[in-house]
């Protein structure tokens, strides 16, 4: 697993209390940011999603990722490609209700 420093730009005014109960809180963040989508990265994605699957904060995490357009990594149990599809639908719903 490649080690990289990751910085996520976070609006300090947002409600981030859900993160305190996240199953991934004490897990190496690199697990959730696989390099690639083939080979060993597939095992890494599967392992990250396994942690997400048992997390009580999964929906809040996914909403955060969609709201803040998190393009990289595993968020709320979804891969980058899965989130791209979800984000399109999510944006359409946001526009209809605005």
N, C-alpha and C. Protein backbone atom coordinates (compact mmCIF):
# COMPACT_ATOMS: atom_id res chain seq x y z
N UNK A 1 0.84 -1.17 0.00
CA UNK A 1 0.00 0.00 0.00
C UNK A 1 0.89 1.24 0.00
N UNK A 2 0.64 2.16 -0.91
CA UNK A 2 1.43 3.37 -1.02
C UNK A 2 1.00 4.37 0.05
N UNK A 3 1.97 4.95 0.73
CA UNK A 3 1.67 5.92 1.77
C UNK A 3 1.76 7.32 1.18
N UNK A 4 0.71 8.10 1.38
CA UNK A 4 0.68 9.47 0.89
C UNK A 4 0.03 10.33 1.96
N UNK A 5 0.48 11.56 2.05
CA UNK A 5 -0.20 12.50 2.96
C UNK A 5 -1.43 13.01 2.26
N UNK A 6 -2.55 12.96 2.93
CA UNK A 6 -3.81 13.39 2.34
C UNK A 6 -4.36 14.57 3.13
N UNK A 7 -4.75 15.59 2.43
CA UNK A 7 -5.36 16.76 3.05
C UNK A 7 -6.74 16.91 2.44
N UNK A 8 -7.75 16.97 3.28
CA UNK A 8 -9.11 17.14 2.82
C UNK A 8 -9.57 18.52 3.29
N UNK A 9 -9.98 19.34 2.33
CA UNK A 9 -10.46 20.68 2.64
C UNK A 9 -11.84 20.55 3.25
N UNK A 10 -11.99 20.97 4.51
CA UNK A 10 -13.25 20.81 5.22
C UNK A 10 -13.73 22.17 5.70
N UNK A 11 -14.98 22.46 5.44
CA UNK A 11 -15.60 23.70 5.94
C UNK A 11 -15.76 23.54 7.45
N UNK A 12 -15.12 24.40 8.21
CA UNK A 12 -15.14 24.27 9.67
C UNK A 12 -16.51 24.52 10.27
N UNK A 13 -17.44 25.08 9.51
CA UNK A 13 -18.77 25.33 10.05
C UNK A 13 -19.71 24.14 9.89
N UNK A 14 -19.30 23.13 9.13
CA UNK A 14 -20.18 21.99 8.92
C UNK A 14 -20.27 21.11 10.17
N UNK A 15 -21.34 20.35 10.26
CA UNK A 15 -21.51 19.41 11.36
C UNK A 15 -20.73 18.15 11.07
N UNK A 16 -19.71 17.90 11.86
CA UNK A 16 -18.86 16.73 11.65
C UNK A 16 -18.93 15.75 12.81
N UNK A 17 -19.93 15.87 13.63
CA UNK A 17 -20.06 14.99 14.79
C UNK A 17 -20.15 13.53 14.40
N UNK A 18 -20.74 13.23 13.26
CA UNK A 18 -20.90 11.85 12.82
C UNK A 18 -19.56 11.14 12.70
N UNK A 19 -18.51 11.87 12.42
CA UNK A 19 -17.19 11.26 12.23
C UNK A 19 -16.67 10.59 13.51
N UNK A 20 -17.12 11.08 14.65
CA UNK A 20 -16.65 10.51 15.92
C UNK A 20 -17.06 9.05 16.07
N UNK A 21 -18.17 8.66 15.46
CA UNK A 21 -18.64 7.29 15.56
C UNK A 21 -18.33 6.42 14.36
N UNK A 22 -17.54 6.94 13.42
CA UNK A 22 -17.24 6.21 12.19
C UNK A 22 -16.36 4.99 12.45
N UNK A 23 -16.69 3.90 11.81
CA UNK A 23 -15.93 2.65 11.97
C UNK A 23 -14.49 2.80 11.46
N UNK A 24 -14.26 3.72 10.55
CA UNK A 24 -12.94 3.90 9.96
C UNK A 24 -12.04 4.83 10.77
N UNK A 25 -12.59 5.38 11.82
CA UNK A 25 -11.88 6.42 12.58
C UNK A 25 -10.46 6.02 12.99
N UNK A 26 -10.27 4.79 13.39
CA UNK A 26 -8.96 4.34 13.85
C UNK A 26 -8.25 3.45 12.84
N UNK A 27 -8.69 3.53 11.58
CA UNK A 27 -8.10 2.73 10.51
C UNK A 27 -7.17 3.60 9.69
N UNK A 28 -6.10 3.01 9.17
CA UNK A 28 -5.17 3.73 8.31
C UNK A 28 -5.93 4.33 7.14
N UNK A 29 -5.92 5.65 6.98
CA UNK A 29 -6.68 6.29 5.89
C UNK A 29 -6.28 5.82 4.50
N UNK A 30 -5.03 5.37 4.34
CA UNK A 30 -4.59 4.91 3.03
C UNK A 30 -5.44 3.74 2.51
N UNK A 31 -6.03 2.97 3.42
CA UNK A 31 -6.89 1.86 2.99
C UNK A 31 -8.03 2.38 2.14
N UNK A 32 -8.53 3.57 2.44
CA UNK A 32 -9.70 4.13 1.76
C UNK A 32 -9.34 4.94 0.51
N UNK A 33 -8.05 4.98 0.18
CA UNK A 33 -7.60 5.70 -1.01
C UNK A 33 -6.68 4.79 -1.83
N UNK A 34 -7.26 3.75 -2.44
CA UNK A 34 -6.45 2.82 -3.23
C UNK A 34 -5.87 3.51 -4.47
N UNK A 35 -4.72 3.03 -4.88
CA UNK A 35 -4.09 3.55 -6.08
C UNK A 35 -4.50 2.63 -7.23
N UNK A 36 -5.45 3.09 -8.02
CA UNK A 36 -5.93 2.30 -9.14
C UNK A 36 -7.22 1.57 -8.84
N UNK A 37 -7.68 0.82 -9.84
CA UNK A 37 -8.94 0.06 -9.71
C UNK A 37 -8.79 -1.36 -10.21
N UNK A 38 -7.56 -1.83 -10.29
CA UNK A 38 -7.30 -3.21 -10.72
C UNK A 38 -6.28 -3.85 -9.78
N UNK A 39 -6.12 -5.15 -9.92
CA UNK A 39 -5.10 -5.86 -9.15
C UNK A 39 -5.28 -5.73 -7.65
N UNK A 40 -4.20 -5.37 -6.97
CA UNK A 40 -4.20 -5.26 -5.51
C UNK A 40 -5.19 -4.20 -5.02
N UNK A 41 -5.44 -3.18 -5.85
CA UNK A 41 -6.38 -2.12 -5.46
C UNK A 41 -7.78 -2.69 -5.25
N UNK A 42 -8.15 -3.72 -6.00
CA UNK A 42 -9.47 -4.33 -5.84
C UNK A 42 -9.63 -4.94 -4.45
N UNK A 43 -8.57 -5.58 -3.96
CA UNK A 43 -8.61 -6.14 -2.60
C UNK A 43 -8.70 -5.03 -1.57
N UNK A 44 -8.01 -3.94 -1.81
CA UNK A 44 -8.03 -2.79 -0.90
C UNK A 44 -9.43 -2.18 -0.87
N UNK A 45 -10.04 -2.02 -2.03
CA UNK A 45 -11.40 -1.47 -2.12
C UNK A 45 -12.37 -2.37 -1.37
N UNK A 46 -12.23 -3.68 -1.56
CA UNK A 46 -13.10 -4.64 -0.88
C UNK A 46 -12.94 -4.54 0.64
N UNK A 47 -11.71 -4.41 1.11
CA UNK A 47 -11.46 -4.30 2.55
C UNK A 47 -12.04 -3.01 3.12
N UNK A 48 -11.90 -1.92 2.39
CA UNK A 48 -12.45 -0.63 2.85
C UNK A 48 -13.97 -0.70 2.91
N UNK A 49 -14.57 -1.26 1.88
CA UNK A 49 -16.04 -1.37 1.85
C UNK A 49 -16.56 -2.27 2.96
N UNK A 50 -15.78 -3.26 3.34
CA UNK A 50 -16.17 -4.16 4.43
C UNK A 50 -16.29 -3.37 5.74
N UNK A 51 -15.37 -2.45 5.96
CA UNK A 51 -15.43 -1.60 7.16
C UNK A 51 -16.65 -0.68 7.07
N UNK A 52 -16.86 -0.11 5.90
CA UNK A 52 -18.01 0.80 5.70
C UNK A 52 -19.34 0.07 5.93
N UNK A 53 -19.39 -1.17 5.50
CA UNK A 53 -20.64 -1.94 5.59
C UNK A 53 -21.15 -2.05 7.03
N UNK A 54 -20.23 -2.11 7.99
CA UNK A 54 -20.64 -2.26 9.38
C UNK A 54 -20.70 -0.92 10.13
N UNK A 55 -20.52 0.18 9.41
CA UNK A 55 -20.46 1.49 10.04
C UNK A 55 -21.85 2.12 10.20
N UNK A 56 -22.10 2.65 11.38
CA UNK A 56 -23.38 3.32 11.66
C UNK A 56 -23.45 4.70 11.02
N UNK A 57 -22.33 5.22 10.56
CA UNK A 57 -22.26 6.57 9.98
C UNK A 57 -22.21 6.54 8.45
N UNK A 58 -22.49 5.41 7.88
CA UNK A 58 -22.33 5.23 6.44
C UNK A 58 -23.12 6.26 5.62
N UNK A 59 -24.37 6.49 5.95
CA UNK A 59 -25.18 7.42 5.15
C UNK A 59 -24.68 8.86 5.30
N UNK A 60 -24.26 9.25 6.50
CA UNK A 60 -23.72 10.60 6.70
C UNK A 60 -22.41 10.77 5.93
N UNK A 61 -21.60 9.75 5.92
CA UNK A 61 -20.33 9.77 5.20
C UNK A 61 -20.58 9.93 3.70
N UNK A 62 -21.52 9.15 3.18
CA UNK A 62 -21.84 9.23 1.76
C UNK A 62 -22.40 10.61 1.41
N UNK A 63 -23.28 11.11 2.25
CA UNK A 63 -23.83 12.45 1.99
C UNK A 63 -22.72 13.50 1.99
N UNK A 64 -21.79 13.39 2.95
CA UNK A 64 -20.66 14.31 2.98
C UNK A 64 -19.89 14.25 1.67
N UNK A 65 -19.61 13.04 1.20
CA UNK A 65 -18.84 12.87 -0.03
C UNK A 65 -19.57 13.46 -1.23
N UNK A 66 -20.88 13.25 -1.30
CA UNK A 66 -21.65 13.78 -2.41
C UNK A 66 -21.75 15.30 -2.35
N UNK A 67 -22.00 15.82 -1.16
CA UNK A 67 -22.13 17.26 -0.97
C UNK A 67 -20.84 18.00 -1.27
N UNK A 68 -19.72 17.41 -0.89
CA UNK A 68 -18.42 18.05 -1.04
C UNK A 68 -17.63 17.56 -2.25
N UNK A 69 -18.30 16.79 -3.10
CA UNK A 69 -17.72 16.29 -4.35
C UNK A 69 -16.37 15.59 -4.12
N UNK A 70 -16.36 14.68 -3.16
CA UNK A 70 -15.16 13.89 -2.91
C UNK A 70 -14.99 12.89 -4.05
N UNK A 71 -14.06 13.16 -4.93
CA UNK A 71 -13.88 12.33 -6.11
C UNK A 71 -13.00 11.11 -5.84
N UNK A 72 -12.13 11.18 -4.86
CA UNK A 72 -11.18 10.10 -4.60
C UNK A 72 -11.57 9.30 -3.37
N UNK A 73 -11.21 8.04 -3.39
CA UNK A 73 -11.36 7.21 -2.22
C UNK A 73 -12.70 6.53 -2.07
N UNK A 74 -12.80 5.78 -0.97
CA UNK A 74 -14.03 5.08 -0.60
C UNK A 74 -14.71 5.93 0.46
N UNK A 75 -15.96 6.31 0.21
CA UNK A 75 -16.74 7.12 1.14
C UNK A 75 -18.12 6.50 1.25
N UNK A 76 -18.58 6.28 2.44
CA UNK A 76 -19.93 5.74 2.63
C UNK A 76 -20.14 4.41 1.93
N UNK A 77 -19.08 3.65 1.80
CA UNK A 77 -19.18 2.34 1.17
C UNK A 77 -19.23 2.36 -0.34
N UNK A 78 -18.90 3.50 -0.95
CA UNK A 78 -18.96 3.59 -2.41
C UNK A 78 -17.59 3.90 -3.00
N UNK A 79 -17.36 3.36 -4.17
CA UNK A 79 -16.12 3.64 -4.90
C UNK A 79 -16.26 4.96 -5.65
N UNK A 80 -15.18 5.39 -6.24
CA UNK A 80 -15.18 6.64 -7.00
C UNK A 80 -16.20 6.58 -8.14
N UNK A 81 -16.20 5.48 -8.87
CA UNK A 81 -17.12 5.34 -10.00
C UNK A 81 -18.58 5.26 -9.53
N UNK A 82 -18.82 4.52 -8.46
CA UNK A 82 -20.18 4.44 -7.92
C UNK A 82 -20.69 5.81 -7.48
N UNK A 83 -19.79 6.60 -6.88
CA UNK A 83 -20.18 7.94 -6.43
C UNK A 83 -20.44 8.89 -7.58
N UNK A 84 -19.71 8.74 -8.67
CA UNK A 84 -19.97 9.59 -9.84
C UNK A 84 -21.40 9.40 -10.32
N UNK A 85 -21.84 8.16 -10.37
CA UNK A 85 -23.21 7.85 -10.80
C UNK A 85 -24.21 8.41 -9.78
N UNK A 86 -23.97 8.15 -8.50
CA UNK A 86 -24.86 8.65 -7.45
C UNK A 86 -24.90 10.18 -7.42
N UNK A 87 -23.77 10.81 -7.64
CA UNK A 87 -23.70 12.28 -7.58
C UNK A 87 -24.57 12.91 -8.67
N UNK A 88 -24.56 12.32 -9.87
CA UNK A 88 -25.41 12.85 -10.94
C UNK A 88 -26.88 12.83 -10.51
N UNK A 89 -27.34 11.72 -9.97
CA UNK A 89 -28.72 11.61 -9.50
C UNK A 89 -28.97 12.57 -8.34
N UNK A 90 -28.02 12.63 -7.41
CA UNK A 90 -28.14 13.50 -6.24
C UNK A 90 -28.24 14.97 -6.67
N UNK A 91 -27.40 15.38 -7.62
CA UNK A 91 -27.44 16.77 -8.10
C UNK A 91 -28.77 17.08 -8.77
N UNK A 92 -29.30 16.13 -9.55
CA UNK A 92 -30.60 16.33 -10.19
C UNK A 92 -31.70 16.52 -9.15
N UNK A 93 -31.67 15.71 -8.08
CA UNK A 93 -32.67 15.86 -7.01
C UNK A 93 -32.52 17.20 -6.31
N UNK A 94 -31.28 17.63 -6.07
CA UNK A 94 -31.04 18.92 -5.40
C UNK A 94 -31.58 20.06 -6.25
N UNK A 95 -31.39 19.98 -7.55
CA UNK A 95 -31.88 21.04 -8.45
C UNK A 95 -33.40 21.09 -8.48
N UNK A 96 -34.03 19.92 -8.46
CA UNK A 96 -35.49 19.87 -8.49
C UNK A 96 -36.12 20.42 -7.22
N UNK A 97 -35.44 20.24 -6.08
CA UNK A 97 -36.01 20.69 -4.81
C UNK A 97 -35.59 22.12 -4.46
N UNK A 98 -34.69 22.69 -5.25
CA UNK A 98 -34.21 24.08 -4.96
C UNK A 98 -35.15 25.12 -5.51
